[in-house]
């Protein structure tokens, strides 16, 4: 997982968003977590989240699906596919690189970053940016999450 982003953080987010406590996340529940973001931005993020976490494509994210994705990111089976899907979520503009702004934006939307969090997306990128271009390519991202 990324430095500062741990399985416990994702579990906390899951339970916070699961407003009715049924162990499933619906599009409506995720939409409620969007705060003051524009409807288009929230919808795009919801689609990306479902692409990563809704493994069976039923429009709901179970805690089991969440655990499978977390296991993959932590070195379990099928990790390459999950890392690719996670990379696509963070690569908001689809250019094949993750910028500091994209990393910060996704962390904010997940509720894992704000001015007071002490997390520094630029430092996270810098730590794994092997060619010092200020961006993470897929291989650098894979190293970061593994």
N, C-alpha and C. Protein backbone atom coordinates (compact mmCIF):
# COMPACT_ATOMS: atom_id res chain seq x y z
N UNK A 1 0.85 -1.18 0.00
CA UNK A 1 0.00 0.00 0.00
C UNK A 1 0.89 1.24 0.00
N UNK A 2 0.32 2.36 -0.33
CA UNK A 2 1.09 3.59 -0.35
C UNK A 2 1.44 4.03 1.05
N UNK A 3 2.59 4.74 1.20
CA UNK A 3 2.92 5.26 2.52
C UNK A 3 1.79 6.19 2.97
N UNK A 4 1.31 6.00 4.18
CA UNK A 4 0.24 6.83 4.69
C UNK A 4 -1.14 6.35 4.29
N UNK A 5 -1.23 5.38 3.39
CA UNK A 5 -2.52 4.82 2.96
C UNK A 5 -2.46 3.34 3.25
N UNK A 6 -3.20 2.90 4.25
CA UNK A 6 -3.11 1.52 4.70
C UNK A 6 -4.46 0.83 4.58
N UNK A 7 -4.43 -0.49 4.69
CA UNK A 7 -5.67 -1.27 4.63
C UNK A 7 -6.67 -0.78 5.66
N UNK A 8 -6.18 -0.42 6.84
CA UNK A 8 -7.09 0.06 7.89
C UNK A 8 -7.79 1.34 7.46
N UNK A 9 -7.09 2.21 6.71
CA UNK A 9 -7.71 3.44 6.20
C UNK A 9 -8.85 3.10 5.26
N UNK A 10 -8.63 2.14 4.36
CA UNK A 10 -9.67 1.78 3.40
C UNK A 10 -10.85 1.10 4.09
N UNK A 11 -10.57 0.30 5.10
CA UNK A 11 -11.67 -0.31 5.85
C UNK A 11 -12.49 0.75 6.58
N UNK A 12 -11.80 1.74 7.16
CA UNK A 12 -12.48 2.83 7.85
C UNK A 12 -13.38 3.59 6.87
N UNK A 13 -12.86 3.86 5.68
CA UNK A 13 -13.63 4.56 4.65
C UNK A 13 -14.85 3.74 4.27
N UNK A 14 -14.66 2.42 4.08
CA UNK A 14 -15.77 1.55 3.71
C UNK A 14 -16.88 1.65 4.75
N UNK A 15 -16.53 1.51 6.02
CA UNK A 15 -17.54 1.52 7.07
C UNK A 15 -18.18 2.90 7.23
N UNK A 16 -17.41 3.96 7.00
CA UNK A 16 -17.97 5.31 7.08
C UNK A 16 -18.99 5.53 5.96
N UNK A 17 -18.68 5.04 4.76
CA UNK A 17 -19.58 5.24 3.63
C UNK A 17 -20.78 4.30 3.65
N UNK A 18 -20.65 3.16 4.31
CA UNK A 18 -21.75 2.19 4.41
C UNK A 18 -22.76 2.71 5.43
N UNK A 19 -23.53 3.73 5.04
CA UNK A 19 -24.40 4.46 5.94
C UNK A 19 -25.48 3.59 6.59
N UNK A 20 -25.99 2.60 5.85
CA UNK A 20 -27.05 1.78 6.43
C UNK A 20 -26.51 0.52 7.11
N UNK A 21 -25.18 0.34 7.11
CA UNK A 21 -24.55 -0.75 7.85
C UNK A 21 -24.82 -2.14 7.33
N UNK A 22 -25.19 -2.26 6.04
CA UNK A 22 -25.51 -3.58 5.51
C UNK A 22 -24.29 -4.32 4.95
N UNK A 23 -23.12 -3.71 5.04
CA UNK A 23 -21.91 -4.37 4.54
C UNK A 23 -21.74 -4.24 3.04
N UNK A 24 -22.56 -3.41 2.41
CA UNK A 24 -22.50 -3.17 0.97
C UNK A 24 -22.45 -1.67 0.71
N UNK A 25 -21.71 -1.28 -0.30
CA UNK A 25 -21.70 0.13 -0.72
C UNK A 25 -22.45 0.25 -2.02
N UNK A 26 -23.43 1.12 -2.03
CA UNK A 26 -24.16 1.41 -3.26
C UNK A 26 -23.66 2.72 -3.84
N UNK A 27 -24.02 2.97 -5.09
CA UNK A 27 -23.67 4.24 -5.72
C UNK A 27 -24.22 5.40 -4.89
N UNK A 28 -25.44 5.27 -4.38
CA UNK A 28 -26.04 6.34 -3.58
C UNK A 28 -25.22 6.63 -2.33
N UNK A 29 -24.77 5.58 -1.64
CA UNK A 29 -23.96 5.79 -0.44
C UNK A 29 -22.65 6.48 -0.77
N UNK A 30 -22.02 6.05 -1.86
CA UNK A 30 -20.77 6.70 -2.25
C UNK A 30 -21.01 8.14 -2.67
N UNK A 31 -22.12 8.40 -3.33
CA UNK A 31 -22.44 9.75 -3.75
C UNK A 31 -22.61 10.70 -2.59
N UNK A 32 -23.10 10.20 -1.46
CA UNK A 32 -23.27 11.03 -0.27
C UNK A 32 -21.94 11.47 0.30
N UNK A 33 -20.86 10.73 0.00
CA UNK A 33 -19.55 11.08 0.52
C UNK A 33 -18.84 12.11 -0.32
N UNK A 34 -19.47 12.62 -1.37
CA UNK A 34 -18.82 13.54 -2.29
C UNK A 34 -18.66 14.95 -1.79
N UNK A 35 -19.31 15.31 -0.71
CA UNK A 35 -19.16 16.66 -0.17
C UNK A 35 -19.61 17.71 -1.17
N UNK A 36 -18.86 18.78 -1.29
CA UNK A 36 -19.23 19.88 -2.15
C UNK A 36 -18.72 19.76 -3.57
N UNK A 37 -18.26 18.60 -3.96
CA UNK A 37 -17.72 18.44 -5.31
C UNK A 37 -18.83 18.55 -6.35
N UNK A 38 -18.45 18.88 -7.56
CA UNK A 38 -19.43 18.95 -8.63
C UNK A 38 -19.99 17.57 -8.91
N UNK A 39 -21.20 17.52 -9.39
CA UNK A 39 -21.84 16.24 -9.67
C UNK A 39 -21.04 15.43 -10.69
N UNK A 40 -20.50 16.08 -11.70
CA UNK A 40 -19.72 15.37 -12.73
C UNK A 40 -18.46 14.77 -12.13
N UNK A 41 -17.77 15.51 -11.26
CA UNK A 41 -16.54 15.00 -10.64
C UNK A 41 -16.85 13.82 -9.73
N UNK A 42 -17.93 13.92 -8.96
CA UNK A 42 -18.31 12.83 -8.06
C UNK A 42 -18.69 11.61 -8.88
N UNK A 43 -19.44 11.79 -9.96
CA UNK A 43 -19.86 10.67 -10.79
C UNK A 43 -18.64 9.97 -11.39
N UNK A 44 -17.68 10.74 -11.88
CA UNK A 44 -16.45 10.16 -12.45
C UNK A 44 -15.71 9.35 -11.40
N UNK A 45 -15.59 9.89 -10.19
CA UNK A 45 -14.89 9.19 -9.13
C UNK A 45 -15.62 7.92 -8.72
N UNK A 46 -16.95 7.98 -8.70
CA UNK A 46 -17.73 6.79 -8.35
C UNK A 46 -17.52 5.69 -9.38
N UNK A 47 -17.52 6.05 -10.65
CA UNK A 47 -17.29 5.06 -11.70
C UNK A 47 -15.91 4.44 -11.55
N UNK A 48 -14.91 5.25 -11.24
CA UNK A 48 -13.55 4.74 -11.06
C UNK A 48 -13.48 3.82 -9.85
N UNK A 49 -14.11 4.20 -8.76
CA UNK A 49 -14.10 3.37 -7.56
C UNK A 49 -14.77 2.03 -7.84
N UNK A 50 -15.88 2.05 -8.52
CA UNK A 50 -16.55 0.79 -8.82
C UNK A 50 -15.74 -0.07 -9.76
N UNK A 51 -15.06 0.53 -10.70
CA UNK A 51 -14.22 -0.24 -11.63
C UNK A 51 -13.15 -1.00 -10.84
N UNK A 52 -12.62 -0.39 -9.80
CA UNK A 52 -11.56 -1.03 -9.01
C UNK A 52 -12.13 -2.04 -8.03
N UNK A 53 -13.16 -1.65 -7.29
CA UNK A 53 -13.60 -2.46 -6.16
C UNK A 53 -14.77 -3.40 -6.43
N UNK A 54 -15.61 -3.11 -7.42
CA UNK A 54 -16.77 -3.96 -7.70
C UNK A 54 -16.32 -5.10 -8.60
N UNK A 55 -15.73 -6.12 -8.01
CA UNK A 55 -15.11 -7.20 -8.76
C UNK A 55 -16.09 -8.04 -9.56
N UNK A 56 -17.32 -8.21 -9.05
CA UNK A 56 -18.27 -9.04 -9.78
C UNK A 56 -19.22 -8.23 -10.67
N UNK A 57 -19.08 -6.91 -10.67
CA UNK A 57 -19.85 -6.07 -11.57
C UNK A 57 -21.32 -5.95 -11.24
N UNK A 58 -21.70 -6.20 -9.99
CA UNK A 58 -23.12 -6.15 -9.64
C UNK A 58 -23.59 -4.77 -9.18
N UNK A 59 -22.72 -3.79 -9.21
CA UNK A 59 -23.11 -2.44 -8.81
C UNK A 59 -23.04 -2.21 -7.31
N UNK A 60 -22.54 -3.18 -6.56
CA UNK A 60 -22.36 -3.07 -5.12
C UNK A 60 -20.96 -3.52 -4.76
N UNK A 61 -20.41 -2.92 -3.73
CA UNK A 61 -19.09 -3.32 -3.25
C UNK A 61 -19.29 -3.99 -1.91
N UNK A 62 -18.95 -5.27 -1.83
CA UNK A 62 -19.05 -5.99 -0.57
C UNK A 62 -17.75 -5.84 0.21
N UNK A 63 -17.82 -6.13 1.50
CA UNK A 63 -16.59 -6.09 2.28
C UNK A 63 -15.62 -7.17 1.79
N UNK A 64 -16.14 -8.27 1.23
CA UNK A 64 -15.28 -9.31 0.68
C UNK A 64 -14.53 -8.81 -0.55
N UNK A 65 -15.22 -8.05 -1.41
CA UNK A 65 -14.56 -7.48 -2.57
C UNK A 65 -13.48 -6.50 -2.14
N UNK A 66 -13.79 -5.69 -1.15
CA UNK A 66 -12.80 -4.76 -0.61
C UNK A 66 -11.58 -5.53 -0.12
N UNK A 67 -11.82 -6.61 0.61
CA UNK A 67 -10.71 -7.40 1.16
C UNK A 67 -9.88 -8.03 0.05
N UNK A 68 -10.52 -8.50 -1.03
CA UNK A 68 -9.77 -9.08 -2.14
C UNK A 68 -8.86 -8.04 -2.78
N UNK A 69 -9.37 -6.84 -2.99
CA UNK A 69 -8.55 -5.78 -3.57
C UNK A 69 -7.40 -5.44 -2.64
N UNK A 70 -7.69 -5.33 -1.35
CA UNK A 70 -6.64 -5.03 -0.37
C UNK A 70 -5.59 -6.13 -0.35
N UNK A 71 -6.02 -7.38 -0.40
CA UNK A 71 -5.07 -8.50 -0.42
C UNK A 71 -4.19 -8.44 -1.64
N UNK A 72 -4.78 -8.09 -2.77
CA UNK A 72 -3.99 -7.97 -4.00
C UNK A 72 -2.95 -6.87 -3.88
N UNK A 73 -3.34 -5.75 -3.32
CA UNK A 73 -2.40 -4.64 -3.17
C UNK A 73 -1.32 -4.95 -2.14
N UNK A 74 -1.64 -5.85 -1.22
CA UNK A 74 -0.67 -6.21 -0.19
C UNK A 74 0.16 -7.41 -0.58
N UNK A 75 0.06 -7.85 -1.84
CA UNK A 75 0.92 -8.93 -2.30
C UNK A 75 0.22 -10.25 -2.53
N UNK A 76 -1.11 -10.29 -2.46
CA UNK A 76 -1.84 -11.54 -2.69
C UNK A 76 -1.96 -11.85 -4.17
N UNK A 77 -2.79 -12.86 -4.48
CA UNK A 77 -2.96 -13.30 -5.85
C UNK A 77 -3.60 -12.24 -6.73
N UNK A 78 -3.30 -12.26 -8.03
CA UNK A 78 -3.87 -11.34 -8.99
C UNK A 78 -3.42 -9.90 -8.79
N UNK A 79 -2.27 -9.73 -8.21
CA UNK A 79 -1.86 -8.38 -7.83
C UNK A 79 -1.64 -7.46 -9.03
N UNK A 80 -1.13 -7.97 -10.12
CA UNK A 80 -0.84 -7.12 -11.27
C UNK A 80 -2.10 -6.44 -11.79
N UNK A 81 -3.20 -7.19 -11.88
CA UNK A 81 -4.45 -6.63 -12.36
C UNK A 81 -4.97 -5.56 -11.40
N UNK A 82 -4.91 -5.83 -10.11
CA UNK A 82 -5.39 -4.85 -9.13
C UNK A 82 -4.52 -3.61 -9.11
N UNK A 83 -3.22 -3.79 -9.27
CA UNK A 83 -2.33 -2.63 -9.30
C UNK A 83 -2.63 -1.79 -10.54
N UNK A 84 -2.89 -2.44 -11.66
CA UNK A 84 -3.24 -1.70 -12.88
C UNK A 84 -4.53 -0.91 -12.69
N UNK A 85 -5.52 -1.54 -12.07
CA UNK A 85 -6.79 -0.84 -11.84
C UNK A 85 -6.62 0.31 -10.86
N UNK A 86 -5.82 0.09 -9.83
CA UNK A 86 -5.56 1.17 -8.88
C UNK A 86 -4.82 2.32 -9.57
N UNK A 87 -3.87 1.99 -10.43
CA UNK A 87 -3.14 3.01 -11.16
C UNK A 87 -4.10 3.85 -12.01
N UNK A 88 -5.05 3.19 -12.65
CA UNK A 88 -6.02 3.90 -13.48
C UNK A 88 -6.87 4.87 -12.65
N UNK A 89 -7.17 4.51 -11.41
CA UNK A 89 -7.94 5.40 -10.55
C UNK A 89 -7.13 6.65 -10.24
N UNK A 90 -5.87 6.49 -9.91
CA UNK A 90 -5.03 7.63 -9.55
C UNK A 90 -4.63 8.44 -10.78
N UNK A 91 -4.52 7.81 -11.95
CA UNK A 91 -4.17 8.51 -13.18
C UNK A 91 -5.44 9.13 -13.76
N UNK A 92 -5.90 10.18 -13.12
CA UNK A 92 -7.20 10.78 -13.42
C UNK A 92 -7.32 11.20 -14.88
N UNK A 93 -6.28 11.80 -15.44
CA UNK A 93 -6.37 12.29 -16.82
C UNK A 93 -6.01 11.23 -17.86
N UNK A 94 -5.62 10.03 -17.41
CA UNK A 94 -5.37 8.93 -18.33
C UNK A 94 -4.12 9.08 -19.19
N UNK A 95 -3.16 9.90 -18.75
CA UNK A 95 -1.97 10.12 -19.56
C UNK A 95 -0.84 9.12 -19.29
N UNK A 96 -1.08 8.15 -18.40
CA UNK A 96 -0.06 7.15 -18.10
C UNK A 96 0.88 7.54 -16.97
N UNK A 97 0.59 8.66 -16.31
CA UNK A 97 1.41 9.13 -15.20
C UNK A 97 0.51 9.65 -14.09
N UNK A 98 1.01 9.57 -12.86
CA UNK A 98 0.29 10.13 -11.71
C UNK A 98 1.07 11.34 -11.24
N UNK A 99 0.41 12.48 -11.29
CA UNK A 99 1.03 13.73 -10.84
C UNK A 99 0.71 13.93 -9.36
N UNK A 100 1.41 14.86 -8.76
CA UNK A 100 1.15 15.22 -7.37
C UNK A 100 -0.30 15.67 -7.21
N UNK A 101 -0.79 16.44 -8.17
CA UNK A 101 -2.15 16.94 -8.10
C UNK A 101 -3.17 15.80 -8.16
N UNK A 102 -2.91 14.82 -9.04
CA UNK A 102 -3.83 13.68 -9.14
C UNK A 102 -3.82 12.86 -7.85
N UNK A 103 -2.63 12.62 -7.31
CA UNK A 103 -2.53 11.86 -6.06
C UNK A 103 -3.27 12.58 -4.95
N UNK A 104 -3.03 13.87 -4.83
CA UNK A 104 -3.69 14.66 -3.80
C UNK A 104 -5.21 14.65 -3.98
N UNK A 105 -5.66 14.81 -5.23
CA UNK A 105 -7.09 14.84 -5.52
C UNK A 105 -7.77 13.54 -5.11
N UNK A 106 -7.19 12.41 -5.49
CA UNK A 106 -7.80 11.12 -5.16
C UNK A 106 -7.77 10.89 -3.65
N UNK A 107 -6.66 11.22 -2.99
CA UNK A 107 -6.59 11.05 -1.54
C UNK A 107 -7.63 11.93 -0.84
N UNK A 108 -7.84 13.15 -1.35
CA UNK A 108 -8.86 14.03 -0.77
C UNK A 108 -10.24 13.41 -0.91
N UNK A 109 -10.53 12.90 -2.10
CA UNK A 109 -11.85 12.33 -2.36
C UNK A 109 -12.11 11.09 -1.51
N UNK A 110 -11.04 10.38 -1.15
CA UNK A 110 -11.17 9.22 -0.28
C UNK A 110 -11.19 9.61 1.20
N UNK A 111 -11.02 10.89 1.47
CA UNK A 111 -11.00 11.35 2.85
C UNK A 111 -9.70 11.07 3.57
N UNK A 112 -8.61 10.87 2.82
CA UNK A 112 -7.33 10.50 3.41
C UNK A 112 -6.30 11.63 3.37
N UNK A 113 -6.70 12.80 2.90
CA UNK A 113 -5.75 13.90 2.86
C UNK A 113 -6.47 15.21 3.05
N UNK A 114 -5.91 16.05 3.87
CA UNK A 114 -6.31 17.44 3.96
C UNK A 114 -5.09 18.20 4.46
N UNK A 115 -5.22 19.50 4.56
CA UNK A 115 -4.09 20.35 4.93
C UNK A 115 -3.47 19.93 6.28
N UNK A 116 -4.29 19.40 7.17
CA UNK A 116 -3.83 19.09 8.53
C UNK A 116 -3.38 17.64 8.69
N UNK A 117 -3.48 16.83 7.66
CA UNK A 117 -3.20 15.40 7.80
C UNK A 117 -1.73 15.09 8.01
N UNK A 118 -0.87 15.98 7.57
CA UNK A 118 0.56 15.72 7.67
C UNK A 118 1.08 14.88 6.52
N UNK A 119 0.20 14.41 5.68
CA UNK A 119 0.62 13.63 4.51
C UNK A 119 0.99 14.60 3.40
N UNK A 120 2.05 14.29 2.70
CA UNK A 120 2.53 15.16 1.63
C UNK A 120 2.60 14.37 0.33
N UNK A 121 1.61 14.57 -0.57
CA UNK A 121 1.62 13.82 -1.83
C UNK A 121 2.91 14.02 -2.63
N UNK A 122 3.47 15.21 -2.60
CA UNK A 122 4.72 15.45 -3.35
C UNK A 122 5.85 14.60 -2.79
N UNK A 123 5.92 14.48 -1.47
CA UNK A 123 6.96 13.65 -0.85
C UNK A 123 6.73 12.18 -1.17
N UNK A 124 5.46 11.77 -1.22
CA UNK A 124 5.15 10.38 -1.56
C UNK A 124 5.63 10.07 -2.97
N UNK A 125 5.40 10.99 -3.89
CA UNK A 125 5.84 10.79 -5.27
C UNK A 125 7.35 10.83 -5.36
N UNK A 126 7.95 11.80 -4.71
CA UNK A 126 9.41 11.98 -4.77
C UNK A 126 10.14 10.73 -4.30
N UNK A 127 9.61 10.08 -3.29
CA UNK A 127 10.25 8.90 -2.72
C UNK A 127 10.37 7.76 -3.74
N UNK A 128 9.43 7.67 -4.69
CA UNK A 128 9.40 6.56 -5.63
C UNK A 128 9.66 6.98 -7.08
N UNK A 129 9.89 8.25 -7.33
CA UNK A 129 10.10 8.79 -8.66
C UNK A 129 11.56 8.55 -9.08
N UNK A 130 11.81 7.41 -9.73
CA UNK A 130 13.18 7.00 -10.07
C UNK A 130 13.85 7.90 -11.09
N UNK A 131 13.08 8.46 -12.02
CA UNK A 131 13.70 9.30 -13.06
C UNK A 131 13.56 10.79 -12.77
N UNK A 132 13.05 11.13 -11.60
CA UNK A 132 12.97 12.51 -11.12
C UNK A 132 12.22 13.46 -12.06
N UNK A 133 11.16 12.94 -12.69
CA UNK A 133 10.35 13.80 -13.55
C UNK A 133 9.15 14.39 -12.81
N UNK A 134 9.00 14.08 -11.52
CA UNK A 134 7.89 14.61 -10.74
C UNK A 134 6.59 13.87 -10.94
N UNK A 135 6.64 12.75 -11.65
CA UNK A 135 5.46 11.94 -11.96
C UNK A 135 5.75 10.49 -11.64
N UNK A 136 4.72 9.72 -11.39
CA UNK A 136 4.88 8.28 -11.23
C UNK A 136 4.36 7.59 -12.47
N UNK A 137 5.21 6.77 -13.10
CA UNK A 137 4.72 5.91 -14.16
C UNK A 137 4.23 4.61 -13.51
N UNK A 138 3.76 3.67 -14.29
CA UNK A 138 3.17 2.46 -13.71
C UNK A 138 4.18 1.69 -12.87
N UNK A 139 5.41 1.52 -13.36
CA UNK A 139 6.40 0.75 -12.61
C UNK A 139 6.74 1.42 -11.28
N UNK A 140 6.86 2.73 -11.28
CA UNK A 140 7.12 3.46 -10.04
C UNK A 140 5.94 3.33 -9.07
N UNK A 141 4.72 3.41 -9.62
CA UNK A 141 3.52 3.24 -8.79
C UNK A 141 3.48 1.84 -8.19
N UNK A 142 3.79 0.84 -9.00
CA UNK A 142 3.79 -0.54 -8.51
C UNK A 142 4.77 -0.69 -7.35
N UNK A 143 5.94 -0.10 -7.48
CA UNK A 143 6.92 -0.15 -6.39
C UNK A 143 6.35 0.54 -5.15
N UNK A 144 5.66 1.64 -5.34
CA UNK A 144 5.10 2.39 -4.22
C UNK A 144 4.04 1.56 -3.48
N UNK A 145 3.13 0.93 -4.20
CA UNK A 145 2.05 0.21 -3.53
C UNK A 145 2.48 -1.15 -3.02
N UNK A 146 3.56 -1.68 -3.53
CA UNK A 146 4.03 -2.98 -3.04
C UNK A 146 4.93 -2.74 -1.87
